[in-house]
N, C-alpha and C. Protein backbone atom coordinates (compact mmCIF):
# COMPACT_ATOMS: atom_id res chain seq x y z
N MET A 1 84.33 90.89 120.59
CA MET A 1 84.73 91.28 119.26
C MET A 1 85.90 92.26 119.36
N ALA A 2 86.83 92.16 118.43
CA ALA A 2 87.95 93.09 118.35
C ALA A 2 88.02 93.62 116.92
N SER A 3 88.30 94.92 116.78
CA SER A 3 88.43 95.48 115.44
C SER A 3 89.40 96.64 115.45
N ILE A 4 89.98 96.88 114.28
CA ILE A 4 90.89 98.00 114.07
C ILE A 4 90.71 98.45 112.63
N GLY A 5 90.80 99.75 112.40
CA GLY A 5 90.64 100.23 111.03
C GLY A 5 90.89 101.71 110.89
N ILE A 6 91.08 102.10 109.65
CA ILE A 6 91.25 103.50 109.28
C ILE A 6 90.38 103.76 108.06
N ASP A 7 89.55 104.79 108.12
CA ASP A 7 88.71 105.21 106.99
C ASP A 7 88.98 106.68 106.72
N ARG A 8 89.13 107.04 105.47
CA ARG A 8 89.33 108.43 105.07
C ARG A 8 88.46 108.74 103.87
N THR A 9 87.89 109.95 103.85
CA THR A 9 87.05 110.40 102.75
C THR A 9 87.43 111.82 102.38
N LEU A 10 87.61 112.09 101.09
CA LEU A 10 87.96 113.43 100.64
C LEU A 10 86.77 114.37 100.69
N PHE A 11 85.58 113.89 100.27
CA PHE A 11 84.38 114.73 100.25
C PHE A 11 83.18 113.89 100.63
N GLU A 12 82.35 114.40 101.54
CA GLU A 12 81.15 113.71 101.97
C GLU A 12 80.04 114.71 102.21
N VAL A 13 78.84 114.37 101.75
CA VAL A 13 77.66 115.20 101.97
C VAL A 13 76.48 114.26 102.19
N GLY A 14 75.57 114.66 103.07
CA GLY A 14 74.41 113.81 103.27
C GLY A 14 73.55 114.24 104.44
N ASP A 15 72.46 113.51 104.62
CA ASP A 15 71.56 113.69 105.74
C ASP A 15 71.05 112.31 106.15
N GLU A 16 69.94 112.24 106.90
CA GLU A 16 69.46 110.94 107.37
C GLU A 16 68.89 110.06 106.26
N ASP A 17 68.54 110.63 105.10
CA ASP A 17 67.97 109.86 104.01
C ASP A 17 68.94 109.51 102.90
N ALA A 18 70.00 110.31 102.72
CA ALA A 18 70.93 110.09 101.61
C ALA A 18 72.34 110.51 102.01
N ASN A 19 73.32 109.82 101.42
CA ASN A 19 74.71 110.10 101.71
C ASN A 19 75.53 109.86 100.44
N LEU A 20 76.52 110.73 100.18
CA LEU A 20 77.40 110.60 99.03
C LEU A 20 78.82 110.84 99.48
N LYS A 21 79.73 109.93 99.12
CA LYS A 21 81.15 110.07 99.42
C LYS A 21 81.92 109.99 98.12
N LEU A 22 82.93 110.85 97.98
CA LEU A 22 83.82 110.82 96.83
C LEU A 22 85.24 110.58 97.31
N LEU A 23 85.96 109.71 96.63
CA LEU A 23 87.35 109.37 96.94
C LEU A 23 87.54 108.98 98.40
N SER A 24 87.10 107.79 98.74
CA SER A 24 87.25 107.29 100.11
C SER A 24 88.12 106.03 100.10
N SER A 25 88.77 105.78 101.23
CA SER A 25 89.60 104.59 101.36
C SER A 25 89.41 104.00 102.75
N SER A 26 89.66 102.70 102.86
CA SER A 26 89.53 102.03 104.16
C SER A 26 90.45 100.83 104.23
N VAL A 27 90.96 100.60 105.43
CA VAL A 27 91.77 99.43 105.74
C VAL A 27 91.36 98.99 107.14
N GLY A 28 91.14 97.70 107.34
CA GLY A 28 90.75 97.27 108.67
C GLY A 28 90.67 95.76 108.81
N ALA A 29 90.46 95.36 110.05
CA ALA A 29 90.29 93.95 110.39
C ALA A 29 89.32 93.85 111.55
N ARG A 30 88.52 92.78 111.56
CA ARG A 30 87.56 92.55 112.63
C ARG A 30 87.50 91.05 112.89
N ALA A 31 87.44 90.69 114.16
CA ALA A 31 87.29 89.28 114.53
C ALA A 31 86.35 89.19 115.73
N GLY A 32 85.46 88.22 115.69
CA GLY A 32 84.52 88.04 116.78
C GLY A 32 83.90 86.66 116.72
N LEU A 33 82.95 86.41 117.60
CA LEU A 33 82.29 85.11 117.63
C LEU A 33 81.47 84.84 116.38
N ASP A 34 81.03 85.89 115.69
CA ASP A 34 80.21 85.71 114.50
C ASP A 34 81.03 85.55 113.22
N GLY A 35 82.35 85.76 113.26
CA GLY A 35 83.20 85.59 112.09
C GLY A 35 84.34 86.57 112.09
N CYS A 36 85.04 86.65 110.95
CA CYS A 36 86.16 87.57 110.84
C CYS A 36 86.17 88.19 109.44
N LYS A 37 86.86 89.34 109.33
CA LYS A 37 86.87 90.07 108.07
C LYS A 37 88.14 90.90 107.97
N LEU A 38 88.76 90.89 106.81
CA LEU A 38 89.86 91.78 106.46
C LEU A 38 89.33 92.70 105.37
N LYS A 39 89.62 93.99 105.48
CA LYS A 39 89.05 94.97 104.56
C LYS A 39 90.13 95.89 104.04
N ALA A 40 90.17 96.11 102.73
CA ALA A 40 91.06 97.08 102.13
C ALA A 40 90.46 97.52 100.80
N GLY A 41 90.33 98.82 100.62
CA GLY A 41 89.76 99.29 99.37
C GLY A 41 89.83 100.78 99.18
N VAL A 42 89.63 101.20 97.95
CA VAL A 42 89.55 102.61 97.56
C VAL A 42 88.33 102.74 96.68
N ASN A 43 87.43 103.65 97.05
CA ASN A 43 86.22 103.87 96.25
C ASN A 43 86.24 105.26 95.62
N LEU A 44 85.88 105.31 94.36
CA LEU A 44 85.72 106.60 93.68
C LEU A 44 84.44 107.26 94.15
N VAL A 45 83.35 106.48 94.22
CA VAL A 45 82.04 106.99 94.61
C VAL A 45 81.35 105.96 95.49
N GLU A 46 80.74 106.42 96.59
CA GLU A 46 79.87 105.61 97.43
C GLU A 46 78.59 106.40 97.64
N SER A 47 77.45 105.73 97.55
CA SER A 47 76.19 106.42 97.80
C SER A 47 75.24 105.52 98.56
N GLU A 48 74.34 106.17 99.31
CA GLU A 48 73.27 105.47 100.00
C GLU A 48 72.05 106.36 99.98
N VAL A 49 70.94 105.83 99.49
CA VAL A 49 69.67 106.55 99.47
C VAL A 49 68.61 105.62 100.00
N LYS A 50 68.04 105.96 101.17
CA LYS A 50 66.96 105.18 101.80
C LYS A 50 67.28 103.69 101.90
N GLY A 51 68.54 103.34 102.23
CA GLY A 51 68.90 101.95 102.41
C GLY A 51 69.44 101.25 101.18
N ILE A 52 69.41 101.90 100.04
CA ILE A 52 70.00 101.33 98.82
C ILE A 52 71.42 101.88 98.72
N LYS A 53 72.41 100.98 98.82
CA LYS A 53 73.81 101.38 98.85
C LYS A 53 74.51 100.90 97.59
N SER A 54 75.44 101.72 97.09
CA SER A 54 76.25 101.30 95.96
C SER A 54 77.61 101.96 96.05
N SER A 55 78.60 101.32 95.44
CA SER A 55 79.94 101.88 95.40
C SER A 55 80.63 101.43 94.12
N ILE A 56 81.55 102.30 93.65
CA ILE A 56 82.40 101.99 92.50
C ILE A 56 83.82 102.25 92.96
N GLY A 57 84.68 101.25 92.83
CA GLY A 57 86.06 101.38 93.26
C GLY A 57 86.75 100.04 93.19
N VAL A 58 87.81 99.89 93.97
CA VAL A 58 88.58 98.65 94.01
C VAL A 58 88.66 98.20 95.46
N ASN A 59 88.28 96.95 95.73
CA ASN A 59 88.40 96.42 97.10
C ASN A 59 88.78 94.95 97.06
N VAL A 60 89.42 94.52 98.14
CA VAL A 60 89.82 93.12 98.26
C VAL A 60 89.32 92.54 99.58
N ASP A 61 88.16 92.99 100.03
CA ASP A 61 87.58 92.50 101.28
C ASP A 61 87.51 90.98 101.26
N THR A 62 87.88 90.37 102.38
CA THR A 62 87.88 88.91 102.51
C THR A 62 87.40 88.53 103.90
N GLY A 63 86.51 87.58 103.99
CA GLY A 63 86.07 87.10 105.29
C GLY A 63 84.65 86.61 105.24
N GLY A 64 84.11 86.34 106.42
CA GLY A 64 82.75 85.87 106.50
C GLY A 64 82.18 86.07 107.88
N SER A 65 80.86 86.11 107.95
CA SER A 65 80.20 86.23 109.24
C SER A 65 78.80 85.64 109.17
N ILE A 66 78.36 85.18 110.33
CA ILE A 66 77.00 84.68 110.49
C ILE A 66 76.47 85.31 111.76
N SER A 67 75.36 86.06 111.64
CA SER A 67 74.76 86.70 112.81
C SER A 67 73.25 86.67 112.68
N ARG A 68 72.57 87.22 113.66
CA ARG A 68 71.10 87.25 113.60
C ARG A 68 70.61 88.18 112.49
N ASP A 69 71.50 89.08 112.00
CA ASP A 69 71.13 89.98 110.90
C ASP A 69 71.36 89.36 109.53
N GLY A 70 72.09 88.24 109.44
CA GLY A 70 72.29 87.60 108.15
C GLY A 70 73.63 86.91 108.01
N VAL A 71 73.95 86.56 106.77
CA VAL A 71 75.17 85.84 106.42
C VAL A 71 75.92 86.67 105.39
N GLU A 72 77.25 86.75 105.54
CA GLU A 72 78.08 87.47 104.57
C GLU A 72 79.33 86.66 104.30
N ALA A 73 79.75 86.58 103.03
CA ALA A 73 80.99 85.90 102.65
C ALA A 73 81.61 86.64 101.49
N LYS A 74 82.94 86.89 101.57
CA LYS A 74 83.67 87.56 100.50
C LYS A 74 85.07 86.96 100.40
N VAL A 75 85.55 86.85 99.17
CA VAL A 75 86.92 86.44 98.92
C VAL A 75 87.47 87.37 97.84
N ALA A 76 88.52 88.11 98.18
CA ALA A 76 89.16 89.06 97.26
C ALA A 76 88.15 90.01 96.61
N GLY A 77 87.17 90.46 97.41
CA GLY A 77 86.19 91.43 96.93
C GLY A 77 84.94 90.84 96.30
N LEU A 78 84.95 89.57 95.97
CA LEU A 78 83.80 88.92 95.33
C LEU A 78 82.99 88.20 96.40
N GLY A 79 81.69 88.57 96.51
CA GLY A 79 80.89 87.92 97.55
C GLY A 79 79.46 88.36 97.58
N PHE A 80 78.80 88.05 98.71
CA PHE A 80 77.38 88.31 98.86
C PHE A 80 77.03 88.53 100.32
N LYS A 81 75.86 89.13 100.55
CA LYS A 81 75.24 89.26 101.87
C LYS A 81 73.79 88.87 101.71
N ILE A 82 73.28 88.13 102.67
CA ILE A 82 71.86 87.76 102.65
C ILE A 82 71.34 87.95 104.07
N GLY A 83 70.24 88.68 104.20
CA GLY A 83 69.64 88.94 105.50
C GLY A 83 68.98 90.29 105.53
N LYS A 84 69.10 90.98 106.67
CA LYS A 84 68.55 92.34 106.79
C LYS A 84 69.10 93.24 105.69
N GLU A 85 70.39 93.10 105.40
CA GLU A 85 71.00 93.76 104.25
C GLU A 85 71.39 92.69 103.26
N THR A 86 70.94 92.83 102.01
CA THR A 86 71.18 91.83 100.98
C THR A 86 71.83 92.49 99.78
N GLY A 87 72.90 91.87 99.25
CA GLY A 87 73.57 92.46 98.11
C GLY A 87 74.68 91.59 97.56
N ILE A 88 75.32 92.10 96.51
CA ILE A 88 76.44 91.41 95.88
C ILE A 88 77.62 92.37 95.79
N SER A 89 78.82 91.79 95.77
CA SER A 89 80.05 92.56 95.70
C SER A 89 80.95 91.97 94.62
N THR A 90 81.67 92.84 93.93
CA THR A 90 82.73 92.44 93.02
C THR A 90 83.97 93.23 93.44
N PRO A 91 85.13 92.89 92.94
CA PRO A 91 86.31 93.67 93.28
C PRO A 91 86.24 95.12 92.78
N PHE A 92 85.26 95.45 91.93
CA PHE A 92 85.17 96.80 91.36
C PHE A 92 83.90 97.56 91.73
N GLY A 93 83.06 96.97 92.54
CA GLY A 93 81.84 97.67 92.95
C GLY A 93 80.95 96.79 93.78
N GLU A 94 79.94 97.44 94.37
CA GLU A 94 79.04 96.73 95.27
C GLU A 94 77.67 97.40 95.22
N ILE A 95 76.62 96.60 95.39
CA ILE A 95 75.27 97.13 95.53
C ILE A 95 74.54 96.28 96.56
N SER A 96 73.79 96.96 97.44
CA SER A 96 73.02 96.23 98.47
C SER A 96 71.80 97.04 98.88
N ILE A 97 70.86 96.33 99.48
CA ILE A 97 69.64 96.95 99.99
C ILE A 97 69.52 96.59 101.46
N ASP A 98 69.40 97.60 102.31
CA ASP A 98 69.18 97.41 103.74
C ASP A 98 67.67 97.52 103.96
N PHE A 99 67.00 96.37 104.10
CA PHE A 99 65.54 96.35 104.21
C PHE A 99 65.03 97.06 105.46
N GLY A 100 65.82 97.09 106.51
CA GLY A 100 65.44 97.82 107.72
C GLY A 100 65.29 99.32 107.47
N LYS A 101 66.18 99.90 106.67
CA LYS A 101 66.13 101.32 106.34
C LYS A 101 65.15 101.60 105.20
N LEU A 102 65.04 100.67 104.26
CA LEU A 102 64.19 100.87 103.09
C LEU A 102 62.72 101.03 103.46
N PHE A 103 62.26 100.25 104.43
CA PHE A 103 60.85 100.26 104.79
C PHE A 103 60.56 101.01 106.09
N SER A 104 61.50 101.85 106.54
CA SER A 104 61.25 102.61 107.78
C SER A 104 60.88 104.05 107.49
């Protein structure tokens, strides 16, 4: 697998159970045997509490992957994940549940 990326966050607070980020941005690319992904976005708010993740912002993530943890597909920010982490994405926000973290 090969990947490159830059992530920046203006404010972040959290612990092992919860995390909150304000004004974050990311740009990156990843390619491997399980698939490939291009990522670019700016989020106003990102949060995670016990495996429940959500974000509000603008993203144009595009790509797909198939692995033992699940399947993911996105085009211009619109997509889904099914597996250990399951959720939906739009170009303006995302919500998902990581079942591994939720029940641990």
